[in-house]
N, C-alpha and C. Protein backbone atom coordinates (compact mmCIF):
# COMPACT_ATOMS: atom_id res chain seq x y z
N MET A 1 4.88 -52.03 -28.22
CA MET A 1 4.58 -51.75 -26.92
C MET A 1 3.07 -51.79 -26.74
N SER A 2 2.49 -52.68 -25.85
CA SER A 2 1.17 -52.99 -25.75
C SER A 2 0.69 -52.03 -24.69
N SER A 3 -0.63 -51.65 -24.84
CA SER A 3 -1.29 -50.80 -23.82
C SER A 3 -1.46 -51.38 -22.62
N SER A 4 -1.61 -52.79 -22.58
CA SER A 4 -1.80 -53.37 -21.22
C SER A 4 -0.44 -53.38 -20.43
N SER A 5 0.59 -53.63 -21.12
CA SER A 5 1.97 -53.65 -20.44
C SER A 5 2.28 -52.21 -19.95
N GLY A 6 1.97 -51.21 -20.67
CA GLY A 6 2.14 -49.76 -20.28
C GLY A 6 1.33 -49.50 -19.08
N ASN A 7 0.07 -49.88 -19.10
CA ASN A 7 -0.85 -49.66 -17.91
C ASN A 7 -0.39 -50.43 -16.68
N ALA A 8 0.13 -51.64 -16.92
CA ALA A 8 0.65 -52.39 -15.75
C ALA A 8 1.91 -51.72 -15.15
N LEU A 9 2.79 -51.15 -15.95
CA LEU A 9 3.96 -50.51 -15.51
C LEU A 9 3.56 -49.36 -14.59
N ILE A 10 2.67 -48.55 -15.16
CA ILE A 10 2.23 -47.32 -14.42
C ILE A 10 1.50 -47.80 -13.11
N GLY A 11 0.60 -48.70 -13.25
CA GLY A 11 -0.01 -49.15 -12.00
C GLY A 11 1.00 -49.75 -10.91
N PHE A 12 1.83 -50.40 -11.40
CA PHE A 12 3.00 -50.87 -10.44
C PHE A 12 3.69 -49.75 -9.74
N ILE A 13 4.19 -48.83 -10.57
CA ILE A 13 4.95 -47.70 -10.11
C ILE A 13 4.11 -46.83 -9.21
N PHE A 14 2.85 -46.56 -9.52
CA PHE A 14 2.03 -45.76 -8.69
C PHE A 14 1.84 -46.56 -7.30
N GLY A 15 1.53 -47.80 -7.45
CA GLY A 15 1.27 -48.57 -6.25
C GLY A 15 2.45 -48.62 -5.22
N ALA A 16 3.65 -48.81 -5.90
CA ALA A 16 4.79 -48.78 -5.02
C ALA A 16 5.10 -47.58 -4.44
N ALA A 17 4.85 -46.44 -5.16
CA ALA A 17 4.94 -45.10 -4.49
C ALA A 17 4.11 -44.81 -3.45
N VAL A 18 2.76 -45.21 -3.61
CA VAL A 18 1.76 -44.94 -2.51
C VAL A 18 2.09 -45.82 -1.36
N GLY A 19 2.53 -47.11 -1.56
CA GLY A 19 3.02 -47.95 -0.40
C GLY A 19 4.13 -47.40 0.30
N VAL A 20 5.17 -46.87 -0.34
CA VAL A 20 6.29 -46.29 0.29
C VAL A 20 5.92 -45.18 1.15
N ALA A 21 5.09 -44.17 0.42
CA ALA A 21 4.67 -43.06 1.18
C ALA A 21 3.91 -43.35 2.47
N ALA A 22 2.92 -44.32 2.33
CA ALA A 22 2.09 -44.69 3.47
C ALA A 22 3.00 -45.29 4.56
N GLY A 23 3.96 -46.14 4.19
CA GLY A 23 4.83 -46.65 5.15
C GLY A 23 5.65 -45.67 5.89
N LEU A 24 6.11 -44.68 5.18
CA LEU A 24 6.89 -43.66 5.70
C LEU A 24 6.10 -42.66 6.62
N LEU A 25 4.93 -42.47 6.20
CA LEU A 25 4.14 -41.49 6.93
C LEU A 25 3.71 -42.05 8.30
N PHE A 26 3.46 -43.42 8.29
CA PHE A 26 3.05 -44.05 9.57
C PHE A 26 4.24 -44.62 10.33
N ALA A 27 5.43 -44.49 9.79
CA ALA A 27 6.58 -44.99 10.53
C ALA A 27 6.85 -44.20 11.80
N PRO A 28 7.32 -44.99 12.77
CA PRO A 28 7.64 -44.24 14.05
C PRO A 28 9.05 -43.52 13.94
N GLY A 29 9.15 -42.47 13.45
CA GLY A 29 10.37 -41.70 13.31
C GLY A 29 10.14 -40.24 13.33
N PRO A 30 11.21 -39.45 13.61
CA PRO A 30 11.03 -38.03 13.69
C PRO A 30 10.58 -37.47 12.42
N GLY A 31 9.88 -36.30 12.43
CA GLY A 31 9.22 -35.78 11.31
C GLY A 31 10.29 -35.37 10.16
N ASP A 32 11.35 -34.76 10.62
CA ASP A 32 12.42 -34.39 9.61
C ASP A 32 12.97 -35.43 9.04
N GLU A 33 13.30 -36.47 9.65
CA GLU A 33 13.96 -37.77 9.09
C GLU A 33 12.91 -38.37 8.18
N THR A 34 11.68 -38.50 8.55
CA THR A 34 10.65 -39.06 7.63
C THR A 34 10.42 -38.24 6.41
N ARG A 35 10.44 -36.88 6.54
CA ARG A 35 10.32 -36.10 5.21
C ARG A 35 11.50 -36.26 4.31
N LYS A 36 12.67 -36.32 4.98
CA LYS A 36 13.88 -36.50 4.09
C LYS A 36 13.87 -37.79 3.33
N THR A 37 13.47 -38.85 4.06
CA THR A 37 13.39 -40.22 3.44
C THR A 37 12.35 -40.28 2.35
N LEU A 38 11.26 -39.61 2.74
CA LEU A 38 10.08 -39.52 1.67
C LEU A 38 10.49 -38.70 0.47
N LYS A 39 11.23 -37.70 0.58
CA LYS A 39 11.78 -36.83 -0.41
C LYS A 39 12.79 -37.66 -1.36
N LYS A 40 13.60 -38.39 -0.60
CA LYS A 40 14.62 -39.22 -1.38
C LYS A 40 13.91 -40.29 -2.06
N LYS A 41 13.10 -40.99 -1.50
CA LYS A 41 12.30 -42.11 -2.20
C LYS A 41 11.52 -41.62 -3.44
N SER A 42 10.88 -40.44 -3.15
CA SER A 42 10.09 -39.93 -4.27
C SER A 42 10.93 -39.43 -5.47
N ARG A 43 12.20 -38.98 -5.17
CA ARG A 43 13.13 -38.65 -6.25
C ARG A 43 13.57 -39.98 -6.90
N GLU A 44 13.77 -40.94 -6.18
CA GLU A 44 14.30 -42.22 -6.74
C GLU A 44 13.16 -42.76 -7.69
N TYR A 45 11.91 -42.73 -7.24
CA TYR A 45 10.82 -43.28 -8.11
C TYR A 45 10.60 -42.39 -9.33
N SER A 46 10.76 -41.01 -9.06
CA SER A 46 10.65 -40.12 -10.22
C SER A 46 11.68 -40.36 -11.22
N ASP A 47 12.91 -40.59 -10.89
CA ASP A 47 14.05 -40.85 -11.73
C ASP A 47 13.86 -42.17 -12.46
N GLU A 48 13.35 -43.15 -11.77
CA GLU A 48 13.08 -44.52 -12.38
C GLU A 48 11.94 -44.38 -13.43
N LEU A 49 10.93 -43.75 -12.96
CA LEU A 49 9.83 -43.46 -14.02
C LEU A 49 10.29 -42.79 -15.24
N ALA A 50 11.04 -41.65 -15.06
CA ALA A 50 11.60 -40.98 -16.19
C ALA A 50 12.48 -41.87 -17.09
N ARG A 51 13.26 -42.71 -16.36
CA ARG A 51 14.10 -43.63 -17.17
C ARG A 51 13.14 -44.56 -18.07
N GLN A 52 12.25 -45.17 -17.37
CA GLN A 52 11.35 -46.10 -18.12
C GLN A 52 10.46 -45.47 -19.14
N VAL A 53 10.14 -44.18 -18.96
CA VAL A 53 9.30 -43.50 -20.01
C VAL A 53 10.23 -43.21 -21.16
N ASN A 54 11.42 -42.78 -20.84
CA ASN A 54 12.42 -42.55 -21.98
C ASN A 54 12.73 -43.77 -22.83
N ALA A 55 12.78 -44.91 -22.09
CA ALA A 55 13.04 -46.24 -22.75
C ALA A 55 11.80 -46.53 -23.61
N LYS A 56 10.72 -46.40 -23.13
CA LYS A 56 9.45 -46.63 -23.93
C LYS A 56 9.31 -45.74 -25.26
N MET A 57 9.70 -44.42 -24.97
CA MET A 57 9.66 -43.51 -26.06
C MET A 57 10.63 -43.92 -27.17
N ASP A 58 11.82 -44.29 -26.71
CA ASP A 58 12.87 -44.80 -27.81
C ASP A 58 12.28 -46.01 -28.54
N GLU A 59 11.67 -46.90 -27.71
CA GLU A 59 11.08 -48.11 -28.34
C GLU A 59 9.99 -47.60 -29.42
N LEU A 60 9.27 -46.75 -28.99
CA LEU A 60 8.10 -46.25 -29.92
C LEU A 60 8.69 -45.57 -31.14
N LYS A 61 9.79 -44.71 -30.90
CA LYS A 61 10.37 -44.04 -32.04
C LYS A 61 10.92 -45.15 -33.09
N HIS A 62 11.62 -46.08 -32.62
CA HIS A 62 12.07 -47.21 -33.42
C HIS A 62 10.99 -47.82 -34.24
N TYR A 63 9.88 -48.10 -33.52
CA TYR A 63 8.75 -48.90 -34.07
C TYR A 63 8.08 -47.99 -35.16
N VAL A 64 7.92 -46.70 -34.90
CA VAL A 64 7.37 -45.75 -35.83
C VAL A 64 8.26 -45.60 -37.07
N GLY A 65 9.56 -45.57 -36.80
CA GLY A 65 10.55 -45.47 -37.87
C GLY A 65 10.56 -46.71 -38.70
N ASP A 66 10.45 -47.89 -38.17
CA ASP A 66 10.38 -49.14 -38.93
C ASP A 66 9.10 -49.03 -39.82
N MET A 67 7.93 -48.70 -39.24
CA MET A 67 6.72 -48.63 -39.94
C MET A 67 6.80 -47.73 -41.18
N ALA A 68 7.42 -46.56 -40.92
CA ALA A 68 7.59 -45.57 -41.87
C ALA A 68 8.43 -46.08 -43.03
N ASP A 69 9.55 -46.75 -42.65
CA ASP A 69 10.38 -47.32 -43.71
C ASP A 69 9.66 -48.45 -44.50
N ASP A 70 8.86 -49.27 -43.90
CA ASP A 70 8.06 -50.26 -44.63
C ASP A 70 7.03 -49.54 -45.55
N ALA A 71 6.40 -48.52 -45.07
CA ALA A 71 5.44 -47.84 -45.88
C ALA A 71 6.14 -47.13 -47.09
N ARG A 72 7.33 -46.56 -46.92
CA ARG A 72 8.07 -45.97 -48.02
C ARG A 72 8.50 -46.99 -48.97
N GLU A 73 8.84 -48.16 -48.57
CA GLU A 73 9.24 -49.20 -49.48
C GLU A 73 8.08 -49.74 -50.26
N LYS A 74 6.93 -49.81 -49.62
CA LYS A 74 5.69 -50.37 -50.42
C LYS A 74 5.26 -49.35 -51.39
N VAL A 75 5.39 -47.97 -51.00
CA VAL A 75 5.07 -46.96 -52.05
C VAL A 75 5.99 -46.95 -53.10
N LYS A 76 7.21 -47.15 -52.89
CA LYS A 76 8.24 -47.11 -53.85
C LYS A 76 8.09 -48.32 -54.84
N ASN A 77 7.69 -49.44 -54.31
CA ASN A 77 7.53 -50.68 -55.20
C ASN A 77 6.12 -50.80 -55.83
N ALA A 78 5.28 -49.91 -55.43
CA ALA A 78 3.86 -49.96 -56.05
C ALA A 78 3.85 -49.66 -57.51
N THR A 79 3.01 -50.42 -58.22
CA THR A 79 2.80 -50.23 -59.60
C THR A 79 1.39 -49.74 -59.79
N PRO A 80 1.06 -49.17 -60.90
CA PRO A 80 -0.30 -48.77 -61.19
C PRO A 80 -1.28 -49.96 -61.13
N GLU A 81 -0.89 -51.06 -61.55
CA GLU A 81 -1.80 -52.25 -61.50
C GLU A 81 -2.07 -52.66 -60.04
N SER A 82 -1.10 -52.53 -59.22
CA SER A 82 -1.30 -52.95 -57.84
C SER A 82 -2.18 -51.99 -57.09
N LEU A 83 -2.41 -50.85 -57.53
CA LEU A 83 -3.30 -49.83 -56.90
C LEU A 83 -4.79 -50.11 -57.19
N LYS A 84 -5.03 -50.82 -58.17
CA LYS A 84 -6.49 -51.00 -58.64
C LYS A 84 -7.14 -51.87 -57.72
């Protein structure tokens, strides 16, 4: 997982949320209806963000696990001569 792709994802989600919120706040509709729509959209974005964060966390766990396995294997196969 690269830092730039994570930042781009967060930026995209934040930008989309701000755009939706601004569109709804300036939309010509009754206040109650606008608030309900805004609440629904914010819940959808929150759920999507949580899903993506969980997916990235799983990806990171696998990456760290693979790195730990590689390190264990290298330590297991190390000889005193290779440590000099």
